[in-house]
Amino acid sequence: MRTDGEDLTTRSKIRDAAIELFGRHGFANTTIRDISAAAQVSPGLVIHHFVSKAGLREACDRHILGISSQRAVDKADVASLQKMMAEYLSKPDAYMAETAYIRQAIMDDSALGDAFFDALVAMTKDMLEAGIANGSIRKIDDLRAAAVVLATNSMGMLVLGRHVARSLGQEEFGVGTVNLLGVPVVDLYTHPLYTDERFLNAARAALETPAKSEEQ
């Protein structure tokens, strides 16, 4: 009979193997047998702990989202963001499996994929609220829409990683690409792209016109 501690270790071992294989091959192309072989346990033990592949996928999602949730809030703190970036640049391999998993999750056309993206949007909204509270981010009228835009931009980097890297003369999306993108990305968020509000006013006018026409 395994102790609770041993069960937790076994669950973690299976979960981590699943995260790596799901990220590398996708959810549909990874089997319970593949995961059990990578974790060096029996397929029956995987089922014992997670009931099904879907149950294992949900456990992986919760684990990855739990890590991402803390990082999202940390991004609203200057010192934490600097530490996070430095840590990634010093040991990028530690983030490879997690990054690959997130890429597969947001490309997955399923209810679980939808739930994963919705969770990322919620985390981004939490980050914005934390930044507004500590004064590092300006007040935003529609936080939900802003969170969707920011989450989409961030996840787009992962989905289009190969093209992003290639366009910057890199062989793959890794440290070299992050070194080239880091400052320009933060610069775009720090300083307005437009020099005044003409484009903002034009967008507001264009979006208000149809609404007025419908009322009439």
N, C-alpha and C. Protein backbone atom coordinates (compact mmCIF):
# COMPACT_ATOMS: atom_id res chain seq x y z
N MET A 1 0.85 -1.20 0.00
CA MET A 1 0.00 0.00 0.00
C MET A 1 0.89 1.24 0.00
N ARG A 2 0.71 2.10 -0.97
CA ARG A 2 1.52 3.32 -1.06
C ARG A 2 1.04 4.36 -0.06
N THR A 3 1.98 5.13 0.45
CA THR A 3 1.62 6.23 1.34
C THR A 3 1.13 7.40 0.50
N ASP A 4 0.51 8.39 1.14
CA ASP A 4 0.04 9.58 0.41
C ASP A 4 1.20 10.27 -0.28
N GLY A 5 2.34 10.33 0.38
CA GLY A 5 3.52 10.98 -0.20
C GLY A 5 3.98 10.29 -1.45
N GLU A 6 3.96 8.95 -1.43
CA GLU A 6 4.38 8.18 -2.61
C GLU A 6 3.37 8.35 -3.73
N ASP A 7 2.07 8.39 -3.37
CA ASP A 7 1.05 8.61 -4.38
C ASP A 7 1.25 9.96 -5.07
N LEU A 8 1.54 10.99 -4.27
CA LEU A 8 1.74 12.32 -4.83
C LEU A 8 2.93 12.33 -5.77
N THR A 9 3.99 11.64 -5.38
CA THR A 9 5.19 11.58 -6.22
C THR A 9 4.87 10.86 -7.53
N THR A 10 4.12 9.78 -7.45
CA THR A 10 3.76 9.04 -8.65
C THR A 10 2.86 9.88 -9.56
N ARG A 11 1.88 10.54 -8.98
CA ARG A 11 0.99 11.41 -9.76
C ARG A 11 1.80 12.51 -10.46
N SER A 12 2.73 13.12 -9.74
CA SER A 12 3.55 14.18 -10.31
C SER A 12 4.41 13.66 -11.45
N LYS A 13 4.94 12.46 -11.27
CA LYS A 13 5.79 11.85 -12.30
C LYS A 13 5.00 11.59 -13.57
N ILE A 14 3.80 11.06 -13.41
CA ILE A 14 2.93 10.80 -14.56
C ILE A 14 2.51 12.12 -15.21
N ARG A 15 2.10 13.08 -14.39
CA ARG A 15 1.66 14.38 -14.90
C ARG A 15 2.76 15.07 -15.69
N ASP A 16 3.97 15.08 -15.15
CA ASP A 16 5.08 15.75 -15.83
C ASP A 16 5.43 15.06 -17.15
N ALA A 17 5.35 13.73 -17.17
CA ALA A 17 5.60 12.99 -18.42
C ALA A 17 4.53 13.33 -19.44
N ALA A 18 3.28 13.46 -18.98
CA ALA A 18 2.17 13.80 -19.88
C ALA A 18 2.33 15.20 -20.44
N ILE A 19 2.73 16.14 -19.59
CA ILE A 19 2.93 17.52 -20.05
C ILE A 19 3.96 17.57 -21.17
N GLU A 20 5.05 16.83 -20.99
CA GLU A 20 6.11 16.84 -22.01
C GLU A 20 5.62 16.19 -23.31
N LEU A 21 4.94 15.06 -23.21
CA LEU A 21 4.49 14.37 -24.42
C LEU A 21 3.33 15.10 -25.10
N PHE A 22 2.39 15.62 -24.32
CA PHE A 22 1.29 16.39 -24.90
C PHE A 22 1.85 17.61 -25.65
N GLY A 23 2.84 18.25 -25.06
CA GLY A 23 3.43 19.43 -25.69
C GLY A 23 4.20 19.09 -26.95
N ARG A 24 4.82 17.92 -26.96
CA ARG A 24 5.64 17.52 -28.10
C ARG A 24 4.82 16.96 -29.25
N HIS A 25 3.81 16.15 -28.93
CA HIS A 25 3.07 15.44 -29.98
C HIS A 25 1.61 15.85 -30.12
N GLY A 26 1.10 16.64 -29.18
CA GLY A 26 -0.31 17.00 -29.21
C GLY A 26 -1.13 16.02 -28.39
N PHE A 27 -2.34 16.40 -28.06
CA PHE A 27 -3.18 15.57 -27.20
C PHE A 27 -3.72 14.34 -27.93
N ALA A 28 -4.17 14.52 -29.15
CA ALA A 28 -4.76 13.41 -29.89
C ALA A 28 -3.74 12.33 -30.23
N ASN A 29 -2.49 12.74 -30.43
CA ASN A 29 -1.46 11.79 -30.87
C ASN A 29 -0.69 11.15 -29.73
N THR A 30 -1.06 11.45 -28.50
CA THR A 30 -0.38 10.87 -27.33
C THR A 30 -1.32 9.90 -26.63
N THR A 31 -0.84 8.71 -26.37
CA THR A 31 -1.67 7.68 -25.75
C THR A 31 -1.29 7.48 -24.28
N ILE A 32 -2.18 6.82 -23.56
CA ILE A 32 -1.90 6.47 -22.17
C ILE A 32 -0.65 5.59 -22.11
N ARG A 33 -0.52 4.69 -23.08
CA ARG A 33 0.66 3.81 -23.10
C ARG A 33 1.95 4.61 -23.30
N ASP A 34 1.90 5.63 -24.16
CA ASP A 34 3.07 6.49 -24.35
C ASP A 34 3.48 7.15 -23.04
N ILE A 35 2.47 7.66 -22.34
CA ILE A 35 2.73 8.39 -21.09
C ILE A 35 3.25 7.44 -20.01
N SER A 36 2.65 6.26 -19.92
CA SER A 36 3.09 5.30 -18.90
C SER A 36 4.54 4.86 -19.16
N ALA A 37 4.89 4.71 -20.43
CA ALA A 37 6.27 4.32 -20.76
C ALA A 37 7.24 5.43 -20.38
N ALA A 38 6.88 6.67 -20.67
CA ALA A 38 7.76 7.80 -20.34
C ALA A 38 7.89 7.97 -18.83
N ALA A 39 6.81 7.70 -18.10
CA ALA A 39 6.83 7.85 -16.64
C ALA A 39 7.36 6.60 -15.95
N GLN A 40 7.57 5.53 -16.74
CA GLN A 40 8.06 4.25 -16.22
C GLN A 40 7.10 3.65 -15.19
N VAL A 41 5.83 3.68 -15.53
CA VAL A 41 4.80 3.06 -14.70
C VAL A 41 3.89 2.26 -15.64
N SER A 42 2.98 1.50 -15.09
CA SER A 42 2.06 0.71 -15.92
C SER A 42 0.90 1.58 -16.39
N PRO A 43 0.31 1.28 -17.55
CA PRO A 43 -0.88 2.02 -18.00
C PRO A 43 -2.00 1.98 -16.97
N GLY A 44 -2.12 0.84 -16.27
CA GLY A 44 -3.15 0.73 -15.25
C GLY A 44 -2.97 1.72 -14.11
N LEU A 45 -1.70 2.02 -13.79
CA LEU A 45 -1.44 2.99 -12.71
C LEU A 45 -1.82 4.40 -13.15
N VAL A 46 -1.65 4.70 -14.43
CA VAL A 46 -2.08 6.02 -14.95
C VAL A 46 -3.59 6.14 -14.81
N ILE A 47 -4.31 5.09 -15.20
CA ILE A 47 -5.78 5.09 -15.08
C ILE A 47 -6.19 5.17 -13.61
N HIS A 48 -5.45 4.46 -12.74
CA HIS A 48 -5.76 4.47 -11.31
C HIS A 48 -5.73 5.90 -10.76
N HIS A 49 -4.76 6.67 -11.17
CA HIS A 49 -4.58 8.03 -10.63
C HIS A 49 -5.46 9.06 -11.33
N PHE A 50 -5.71 8.89 -12.64
CA PHE A 50 -6.38 9.96 -13.40
C PHE A 50 -7.66 9.52 -14.11
N VAL A 51 -8.02 8.25 -14.01
CA VAL A 51 -9.26 7.69 -14.55
C VAL A 51 -9.22 7.56 -16.08
N SER A 52 -8.79 8.62 -16.78
CA SER A 52 -8.78 8.60 -18.25
C SER A 52 -7.74 9.60 -18.76
N LYS A 53 -7.54 9.58 -20.08
CA LYS A 53 -6.61 10.56 -20.66
C LYS A 53 -7.16 11.97 -20.49
N ALA A 54 -8.47 12.12 -20.59
CA ALA A 54 -9.08 13.44 -20.38
C ALA A 54 -8.86 13.93 -18.95
N GLY A 55 -8.97 12.99 -17.99
CA GLY A 55 -8.72 13.36 -16.61
C GLY A 55 -7.28 13.78 -16.39
N LEU A 56 -6.36 13.10 -17.05
CA LEU A 56 -4.95 13.46 -16.97
C LEU A 56 -4.71 14.81 -17.62
N ARG A 57 -5.37 15.05 -18.75
CA ARG A 57 -5.25 16.35 -19.43
C ARG A 57 -5.72 17.48 -18.51
N GLU A 58 -6.83 17.27 -17.82
CA GLU A 58 -7.35 18.29 -16.91
C GLU A 58 -6.37 18.57 -15.78
N ALA A 59 -5.72 17.51 -15.26
CA ALA A 59 -4.73 17.68 -14.19
C ALA A 59 -3.53 18.47 -14.70
N CYS A 60 -3.12 18.20 -15.93
CA CYS A 60 -2.01 18.94 -16.54
C CYS A 60 -2.38 20.41 -16.71
N ASP A 61 -3.60 20.65 -17.19
CA ASP A 61 -4.07 22.02 -17.35
C ASP A 61 -4.02 22.77 -16.03
N ARG A 62 -4.55 22.15 -14.98
CA ARG A 62 -4.57 22.81 -13.67
C ARG A 62 -3.17 23.14 -13.19
N HIS A 63 -2.24 22.21 -13.42
CA HIS A 63 -0.86 22.44 -12.99
C HIS A 63 -0.23 23.60 -13.75
N ILE A 64 -0.34 23.60 -15.06
CA ILE A 64 0.25 24.65 -15.88
C ILE A 64 -0.41 26.00 -15.59
N LEU A 65 -1.72 26.01 -15.45
CA LEU A 65 -2.44 27.25 -15.18
C LEU A 65 -2.11 27.78 -13.79
N GLY A 66 -1.86 26.89 -12.85
CA GLY A 66 -1.48 27.32 -11.51
C GLY A 66 -0.15 28.06 -11.52
N ILE A 67 0.81 27.53 -12.28
CA ILE A 67 2.11 28.19 -12.42
C ILE A 67 1.93 29.53 -13.13
N SER A 68 1.17 29.52 -14.22
CA SER A 68 0.98 30.72 -15.03
C SER A 68 0.23 31.80 -14.25
N SER A 69 -0.69 31.40 -13.38
CA SER A 69 -1.47 32.35 -12.61
C SER A 69 -0.57 33.21 -11.72
N GLN A 70 0.37 32.57 -11.04
CA GLN A 70 1.28 33.33 -10.17
C GLN A 70 2.17 34.23 -11.00
N ARG A 71 2.63 33.74 -12.13
CA ARG A 71 3.50 34.56 -12.98
C ARG A 71 2.75 35.76 -13.54
N ALA A 72 1.46 35.58 -13.83
CA ALA A 72 0.67 36.69 -14.37
C ALA A 72 0.61 37.85 -13.38
N VAL A 73 0.38 37.54 -12.12
CA VAL A 73 0.34 38.59 -11.10
C VAL A 73 1.73 39.18 -10.89
N ASP A 74 2.76 38.33 -10.95
CA ASP A 74 4.14 38.81 -10.77
C ASP A 74 4.54 39.80 -11.86
N LYS A 75 3.94 39.66 -13.05
CA LYS A 75 4.29 40.56 -14.16
C LYS A 75 3.87 42.00 -13.88
N ALA A 76 2.98 42.20 -12.92
CA ALA A 76 2.55 43.55 -12.57
C ALA A 76 3.52 44.20 -11.59
N ASP A 77 4.53 43.45 -11.15
CA ASP A 77 5.55 43.97 -10.24
C ASP A 77 6.88 44.05 -10.99
N VAL A 78 7.49 45.21 -10.96
CA VAL A 78 8.71 45.44 -11.76
C VAL A 78 9.83 44.48 -11.37
N ALA A 79 10.10 44.35 -10.08
CA ALA A 79 11.20 43.50 -9.63
C ALA A 79 10.94 42.04 -9.99
N SER A 80 9.67 41.59 -9.83
CA SER A 80 9.33 40.20 -10.15
C SER A 80 9.46 39.92 -11.64
N LEU A 81 9.05 40.89 -12.47
CA LEU A 81 9.16 40.71 -13.92
C LEU A 81 10.62 40.60 -14.34
N GLN A 82 11.47 41.46 -13.79
CA GLN A 82 12.89 41.43 -14.13
C GLN A 82 13.51 40.09 -13.72
N LYS A 83 13.15 39.62 -12.53
CA LYS A 83 13.67 38.34 -12.04
C LYS A 83 13.20 37.20 -12.92
N MET A 84 11.93 37.24 -13.32
CA MET A 84 11.35 36.20 -14.16
C MET A 84 12.05 36.12 -15.52
N MET A 85 12.28 37.28 -16.13
CA MET A 85 12.94 37.31 -17.43
C MET A 85 14.38 36.81 -17.32
N ALA A 86 15.07 37.23 -16.26
CA ALA A 86 16.46 36.81 -16.05
C ALA A 86 16.54 35.30 -15.84
N GLU A 87 15.58 34.75 -15.11
CA GLU A 87 15.56 33.31 -14.85
C GLU A 87 15.34 32.54 -16.14
N TYR A 88 14.42 33.01 -16.98
CA TYR A 88 14.17 32.33 -18.25
C TYR A 88 15.42 32.36 -19.14
N LEU A 89 16.04 33.52 -19.23
CA LEU A 89 17.20 33.67 -20.09
C LEU A 89 18.39 32.84 -19.61
N SER A 90 18.46 32.59 -18.30
CA SER A 90 19.59 31.83 -17.75
C SER A 90 19.38 30.32 -17.88
N LYS A 91 18.14 29.86 -17.88
CA LYS A 91 17.87 28.42 -18.01
C LYS A 91 16.57 28.19 -18.79
N PRO A 92 16.59 28.49 -20.08
CA PRO A 92 15.38 28.35 -20.91
C PRO A 92 14.87 26.93 -21.04
N ASP A 93 15.77 25.94 -20.93
CA ASP A 93 15.35 24.55 -21.09
C ASP A 93 14.31 24.14 -20.05
N ALA A 94 14.35 24.80 -18.88
CA ALA A 94 13.40 24.47 -17.82
C ALA A 94 11.98 24.86 -18.18
N TYR A 95 11.83 25.73 -19.18
CA TYR A 95 10.51 26.22 -19.58
C TYR A 95 10.01 25.59 -20.87
N MET A 96 10.84 24.77 -21.51
CA MET A 96 10.49 24.25 -22.83
C MET A 96 9.21 23.41 -22.83
N ALA A 97 9.11 22.46 -21.88
CA ALA A 97 7.94 21.58 -21.83
C ALA A 97 6.67 22.37 -21.54
N GLU A 98 6.77 23.31 -20.61
CA GLU A 98 5.62 24.14 -20.25
C GLU A 98 5.16 24.99 -21.44
N THR A 99 6.12 25.60 -22.12
CA THR A 99 5.80 26.45 -23.27
C THR A 99 5.16 25.64 -24.40
N ALA A 100 5.70 24.47 -24.66
CA ALA A 100 5.16 23.61 -25.71
C ALA A 100 3.74 23.16 -25.35
N TYR A 101 3.50 22.87 -24.08
CA TYR A 101 2.17 22.45 -23.64
C TYR A 101 1.16 23.56 -23.85
N ILE A 102 1.52 24.78 -23.45
CA ILE A 102 0.61 25.91 -23.62
C ILE A 102 0.29 26.12 -25.10
N ARG A 103 1.29 25.98 -25.96
CA ARG A 103 1.08 26.14 -27.40
C ARG A 103 0.06 25.12 -27.90
N GLN A 104 0.22 23.88 -27.50
CA GLN A 104 -0.73 22.85 -27.94
C GLN A 104 -2.13 23.10 -27.37
N ALA A 105 -2.19 23.55 -26.11
CA ALA A 105 -3.48 23.74 -25.44
C ALA A 105 -4.32 24.81 -26.13
N ILE A 106 -3.69 25.92 -26.52
CA ILE A 106 -4.46 27.00 -27.12
C ILE A 106 -4.80 26.73 -28.59
N MET A 107 -4.10 25.78 -29.20
CA MET A 107 -4.43 25.41 -30.58
C MET A 107 -5.45 24.28 -30.62
N ASP A 108 -5.73 23.69 -29.47
CA ASP A 108 -6.63 22.54 -29.41
C ASP A 108 -8.08 22.99 -29.54
N ASP A 109 -8.74 22.55 -30.60
CA ASP A 109 -10.12 22.94 -30.87
C ASP A 109 -11.07 22.02 -30.11
N SER A 110 -11.18 22.26 -28.80
CA SER A 110 -12.03 21.43 -27.96
C SER A 110 -12.52 22.25 -26.78
N ALA A 111 -13.42 21.68 -26.00
CA ALA A 111 -13.93 22.38 -24.82
C ALA A 111 -12.80 22.65 -23.83
N LEU A 112 -11.87 21.69 -23.71
CA LEU A 112 -10.74 21.89 -22.81
C LEU A 112 -9.82 23.00 -23.32
N GLY A 113 -9.64 23.05 -24.63
CA GLY A 113 -8.84 24.13 -25.21
C GLY A 113 -9.48 25.48 -24.97
N ASP A 114 -10.81 25.55 -25.13
CA ASP A 114 -11.54 26.80 -24.86
C ASP A 114 -11.38 27.22 -23.41
N ALA A 115 -11.53 26.26 -22.50
CA ALA A 115 -11.42 26.55 -21.07
C ALA A 115 -10.02 27.03 -20.72
N PHE A 116 -9.01 26.46 -21.38
CA PHE A 116 -7.63 26.86 -21.11
C PHE A 116 -7.41 28.32 -21.51
N PHE A 117 -7.89 28.69 -22.70
CA PHE A 117 -7.71 30.07 -23.15
C PHE A 117 -8.49 31.03 -22.25
N ASP A 118 -9.71 30.65 -21.87
CA ASP A 118 -10.51 31.50 -20.98
C ASP A 118 -9.78 31.73 -19.66
N ALA A 119 -9.10 30.70 -19.17
CA ALA A 119 -8.35 30.83 -17.92
C ALA A 119 -7.17 31.79 -18.11
N LEU A 120 -6.53 31.74 -19.26
CA LEU A 120 -5.43 32.66 -19.54
C LEU A 120 -5.92 34.11 -19.59
N VAL A 121 -7.10 34.31 -20.16
CA VAL A 121 -7.68 35.66 -20.20
C VAL A 121 -7.97 36.15 -18.78
N ALA A 122 -8.53 35.26 -17.96
CA ALA A 122 -8.84 35.63 -16.58
C ALA A 122 -7.57 36.00 -15.81
N MET A 123 -6.48 35.25 -16.05
CA MET A 123 -5.20 35.57 -15.40
C MET A 123 -4.67 36.92 -15.86
N THR A 124 -4.81 37.18 -17.15
CA THR A 124 -4.35 38.46 -17.68
C THR A 124 -5.14 39.61 -17.06
N LYS A 125 -6.43 39.40 -16.88
CA LYS A 125 -7.27 40.41 -16.23
C LYS A 125 -6.81 40.64 -14.79
N ASP A 126 -6.46 39.55 -14.10
CA ASP A 126 -5.93 39.67 -12.73
C ASP A 126 -4.65 40.49 -12.72
N MET A 127 -3.79 40.26 -13.73
CA MET A 127 -2.53 40.99 -13.83
C MET A 127 -2.79 42.48 -14.03
N LEU A 128 -3.75 42.80 -14.90
CA LEU A 128 -4.08 44.20 -15.14
C LEU A 128 -4.63 44.86 -13.87
N GLU A 129 -5.49 44.15 -13.17
CA GLU A 129 -6.05 44.70 -11.94
C GLU A 129 -4.97 44.92 -10.88
N ALA A 130 -4.02 43.98 -10.80
CA ALA A 130 -2.92 44.13 -9.84
C ALA A 130 -2.05 45.33 -10.21
N GLY A 131 -1.81 45.52 -11.51
CA GLY A 131 -1.00 46.65 -11.97
C GLY A 131 -1.69 47.98 -11.73
N ILE A 132 -3.00 48.02 -11.95
CA ILE A 132 -3.76 49.25 -11.69
C ILE A 132 -3.73 49.57 -10.20
N ALA A 133 -3.84 48.53 -9.38
CA ALA A 133 -3.84 48.72 -7.93
C ALA A 133 -2.51 49.26 -7.42
N ASN A 134 -1.39 48.79 -8.02
CA ASN A 134 -0.09 49.27 -7.53
C ASN A 134 0.44 50.47 -8.30
N GLY A 135 -0.35 50.95 -9.27
CA GLY A 135 0.01 52.17 -9.98
C GLY A 135 0.93 51.98 -11.18
N SER A 136 1.26 50.74 -11.53
CA SER A 136 2.16 50.51 -12.67
C SER A 136 1.43 50.47 -14.00
N ILE A 137 0.10 50.29 -13.97
CA ILE A 137 -0.72 50.24 -15.17
C ILE A 137 -1.84 51.28 -15.05
N ARG A 138 -2.08 51.99 -16.14
CA ARG A 138 -3.12 53.01 -16.11
C ARG A 138 -4.50 52.37 -16.05
N LYS A 139 -5.49 53.13 -15.65
CA LYS A 139 -6.86 52.63 -15.59
C LYS A 139 -7.37 52.38 -17.01
N ILE A 140 -8.09 51.28 -17.18
CA ILE A 140 -8.60 50.86 -18.49
C ILE A 140 -10.11 50.71 -18.38
N ASP A 141 -10.83 51.26 -19.35
CA ASP A 141 -12.30 51.23 -19.29
C ASP A 141 -12.86 49.81 -19.36
N ASP A 142 -12.40 49.03 -20.34
CA ASP A 142 -12.92 47.67 -20.52
C ASP A 142 -11.79 46.67 -20.25
N LEU A 143 -11.68 46.24 -19.00
CA LEU A 143 -10.59 45.35 -18.62
C LEU A 143 -10.69 44.00 -19.32
N ARG A 144 -11.90 43.49 -19.48
CA ARG A 144 -12.07 42.18 -20.10
C ARG A 144 -11.56 42.19 -21.54
N ALA A 145 -11.95 43.21 -22.30
CA ALA A 145 -11.51 43.29 -23.70
C ALA A 145 -10.00 43.48 -23.78
N ALA A 146 -9.46 44.31 -22.88
CA ALA A 146 -8.02 44.53 -22.87
C ALA A 146 -7.28 43.23 -22.54
N ALA A 147 -7.84 42.45 -21.62
CA ALA A 147 -7.22 41.18 -21.24
C ALA A 147 -7.22 40.21 -22.42
N VAL A 148 -8.32 40.19 -23.19
CA VAL A 148 -8.40 39.32 -24.37
C VAL A 148 -7.33 39.71 -25.39
N VAL A 149 -7.16 41.02 -25.61
CA VAL A 149 -6.15 41.48 -26.56
C VAL A 149 -4.74 41.09 -26.12
N LEU A 150 -4.43 41.34 -24.86
CA LEU A 150 -3.09 41.04 -24.35
C LEU A 150 -2.81 39.54 -24.35
N ALA A 151 -3.80 38.75 -23.94
CA ALA A 151 -3.61 37.30 -23.93
C ALA A 151 -3.42 36.77 -25.35
N THR A 152 -4.19 37.30 -26.29
CA THR A 152 -4.06 36.88 -27.68
C THR A 152 -2.69 37.24 -28.24
N ASN A 153 -2.21 38.44 -27.92
CA ASN A 153 -0.88 38.84 -28.38
C ASN A 153 0.19 37.91 -27.83
N SER A 154 0.11 37.62 -26.54
CA SER A 154 1.12 36.76 -25.91
C SER A 154 1.07 35.35 -26.48
N MET A 155 -0.13 34.79 -26.58
CA MET A 155 -0.25 33.43 -27.09
C MET A 155 0.08 33.34 -28.57
N GLY A 156 -0.17 34.44 -29.29
CA GLY A 156 0.18 34.48 -30.71
C GLY A 156 1.67 34.28 -30.92
N MET A 157 2.46 34.80 -30.00
CA MET A 157 3.92 34.62 -30.07
C MET A 157 4.28 33.14 -30.01
N LEU A 158 3.55 32.39 -29.19
CA LEU A 158 3.84 30.96 -29.06
C LEU A 158 3.37 30.19 -30.30
N VAL A 159 2.15 30.45 -30.72
CA VAL A 159 1.60 29.73 -31.87
C VAL A 159 2.42 30.01 -33.13
N LEU A 160 2.81 31.28 -33.30
CA LEU A 160 3.57 31.68 -34.49
C LEU A 160 5.06 31.74 -34.21
N GLY A 161 5.49 31.03 -33.17
CA GLY A 161 6.88 31.10 -32.74
C GLY A 161 7.90 30.87 -33.84
N ARG A 162 7.65 29.88 -34.70
CA ARG A 162 8.61 29.58 -35.77
C ARG A 162 8.74 30.76 -36.72
N HIS A 163 7.62 31.37 -37.07
CA HIS A 163 7.65 32.51 -37.98
C HIS A 163 8.27 33.74 -37.31
N VAL A 164 7.95 33.93 -36.03
CA VAL A 164 8.53 35.06 -35.29
C VAL A 164 10.04 34.94 -35.28
N ALA A 165 10.54 33.76 -34.94
CA ALA A 165 11.98 33.54 -34.88
C ALA A 165 12.62 33.71 -36.26
N ARG A 166 11.99 33.11 -37.27
CA ARG A 166 12.53 33.17 -38.63
C ARG A 166 12.63 34.61 -39.12
N SER A 167 11.60 35.41 -38.82
CA SER A 167 11.59 36.81 -39.27
C SER A 167 12.68 37.64 -38.61
N LEU A 168 13.14 37.18 -37.45
CA LEU A 168 14.20 37.89 -36.74
C LEU A 168 15.57 37.25 -36.95
N GLY A 169 15.63 36.31 -37.91
CA GLY A 169 16.91 35.69 -38.24
C GLY A 169 17.35 34.62 -37.27
N GLN A 170 16.39 34.05 -36.51
CA GLN A 170 16.71 33.01 -35.54
C GLN A 170 16.23 31.64 -36.05
N GLU A 171 16.92 30.59 -35.64
CA GLU A 171 16.55 29.25 -36.07
C GLU A 171 15.32 28.73 -35.35
N GLU A 172 15.11 29.18 -34.10
CA GLU A 172 13.96 28.73 -33.33
C GLU A 172 13.59 29.79 -32.30
N PHE A 173 12.37 29.64 -31.78
CA PHE A 173 11.91 30.59 -30.77
C PHE A 173 12.54 30.18 -29.44
N GLY A 174 13.56 30.92 -29.06
CA GLY A 174 14.28 30.63 -27.82
C GLY A 174 14.87 31.88 -27.24
N VAL A 175 15.99 31.72 -26.55
CA VAL A 175 16.63 32.85 -25.88
C VAL A 175 17.00 33.95 -26.87
N GLY A 176 17.52 33.57 -28.04
CA GLY A 176 17.92 34.57 -29.02
C GLY A 176 16.75 35.43 -29.46
N THR A 177 15.60 34.80 -29.67
CA THR A 177 14.40 35.54 -30.07
C THR A 177 13.90 36.43 -28.95
N VAL A 178 13.90 35.92 -27.72
CA VAL A 178 13.46 36.72 -26.57
C VAL A 178 14.38 37.92 -26.37
N ASN A 179 15.68 37.73 -26.57
CA ASN A 179 16.62 38.84 -26.45
C ASN A 179 16.31 39.96 -27.44
N LEU A 180 15.86 39.57 -28.62
CA LEU A 180 15.54 40.56 -29.65
C LEU A 180 14.17 41.20 -29.43
N LEU A 181 13.24 40.47 -28.81
CA LEU A 181 11.87 40.95 -28.66
C LEU A 181 11.60 41.64 -27.32
N GLY A 182 12.34 41.28 -26.30
CA GLY A 182 12.04 41.74 -24.95
C GLY A 182 11.83 43.24 -24.80
N VAL A 183 12.83 44.01 -25.19
CA VAL A 183 12.74 45.47 -25.04
C VAL A 183 11.71 46.08 -25.99
N PRO A 184 11.66 45.71 -27.28
CA PRO A 184 10.63 46.28 -28.15
C PRO A 184 9.20 46.03 -27.67
N VAL A 185 8.94 44.83 -27.14
CA VAL A 185 7.59 44.52 -26.65
C VAL A 185 7.23 45.42 -25.48
N VAL A 186 8.12 45.50 -24.50
CA VAL A 186 7.84 46.34 -23.32
C VAL A 186 7.79 47.81 -23.72
N ASP A 187 8.59 48.21 -24.70
CA ASP A 187 8.57 49.59 -25.18
C ASP A 187 7.20 49.93 -25.78
N LEU A 188 6.63 48.99 -26.54
CA LEU A 188 5.31 49.23 -27.13
C LEU A 188 4.22 49.35 -26.07
N TYR A 189 4.38 48.62 -24.98
CA TYR A 189 3.41 48.73 -23.89
C TYR A 189 3.64 49.97 -23.04
N THR A 190 4.89 50.45 -23.03
CA THR A 190 5.23 51.59 -22.17
C THR A 190 4.91 52.92 -22.83
N HIS A 191 5.23 53.02 -24.12
CA HIS A 191 5.01 54.27 -24.85
C HIS A 191 3.92 54.08 -25.91
N PRO A 192 2.98 55.00 -26.00
CA PRO A 192 1.91 54.88 -26.99
C PRO A 192 2.46 54.75 -28.41
N LEU A 193 1.84 53.92 -29.21
CA LEU A 193 2.26 53.76 -30.60
C LEU A 193 1.90 55.02 -31.39
N TYR A 194 0.71 55.57 -31.12
CA TYR A 194 0.27 56.78 -31.80
C TYR A 194 0.67 58.01 -30.97
N THR A 195 0.92 59.10 -31.66
CA THR A 195 1.40 60.31 -30.98
C THR A 195 0.27 61.14 -30.37
N ASP A 196 -0.97 60.88 -30.78
CA ASP A 196 -2.11 61.59 -30.21
C ASP A 196 -3.34 60.70 -30.30
N GLU A 197 -4.53 61.26 -30.01
CA GLU A 197 -5.75 60.46 -29.93
C GLU A 197 -6.57 60.44 -31.22
N ARG A 198 -6.00 60.87 -32.34
CA ARG A 198 -6.78 60.92 -33.58
C ARG A 198 -7.29 59.54 -34.00
N PHE A 199 -6.45 58.53 -33.93
CA PHE A 199 -6.88 57.18 -34.32
C PHE A 199 -7.90 56.63 -33.33
N LEU A 200 -7.73 56.91 -32.05
CA LEU A 200 -8.68 56.48 -31.04
C LEU A 200 -10.04 57.12 -31.27
N ASN A 201 -10.03 58.41 -31.54
CA ASN A 201 -11.29 59.12 -31.80
C ASN A 201 -11.97 58.62 -33.07
N ALA A 202 -11.15 58.30 -34.09
CA ALA A 202 -11.70 57.79 -35.34
C ALA A 202 -12.36 56.43 -35.12
N ALA A 203 -11.70 55.58 -34.31
CA ALA A 203 -12.26 54.25 -34.02
C ALA A 203 -13.57 54.39 -33.25
N ARG A 204 -13.59 55.27 -32.27
CA ARG A 204 -14.81 55.48 -31.50
C ARG A 204 -15.95 55.99 -32.39
N ALA A 205 -15.63 56.92 -33.28
CA ALA A 205 -16.65 57.48 -34.16
C ALA A 205 -17.21 56.40 -35.10
N ALA A 206 -16.31 55.57 -35.63
CA ALA A 206 -16.72 54.52 -36.56
C ALA A 206 -17.60 53.49 -35.87
N LEU A 207 -17.28 53.16 -34.62
CA LEU A 207 -18.04 52.16 -33.89
C LEU A 207 -19.35 52.71 -33.35
N GLU A 208 -19.41 54.01 -33.13
CA GLU A 208 -20.63 54.62 -32.62
C GLU A 208 -21.66 54.85 -33.73
N THR A 209 -21.21 55.04 -34.97
CA THR A 209 -22.11 55.33 -36.09
C THR A 209 -23.13 54.22 -36.35
N PRO A 210 -22.70 52.93 -36.44
CA PRO A 210 -23.68 51.86 -36.66
C PRO A 210 -24.71 51.80 -35.54
N ALA A 211 -24.26 52.02 -34.31
CA ALA A 211 -25.18 51.97 -33.17
C ALA A 211 -26.25 53.04 -33.28
N LYS A 212 -25.85 54.24 -33.70
CA LYS A 212 -26.81 55.33 -33.86
C LYS A 212 -27.79 55.03 -35.00
N SER A 213 -27.28 54.42 -36.07
CA SER A 213 -28.12 54.08 -37.22
C SER A 213 -29.19 53.06 -36.82
N GLU A 214 -28.82 52.11 -35.98
CA GLU A 214 -29.77 51.09 -35.55
C GLU A 214 -30.85 51.71 -34.68
N GLU A 215 -30.45 52.67 -33.82
CA GLU A 215 -31.43 53.33 -32.97
C GLU A 215 -32.44 54.11 -33.80
N GLN A 216 -31.97 54.74 -34.88
CA GLN A 216 -32.86 55.54 -35.72
C GLN A 216 -33.79 54.62 -36.52
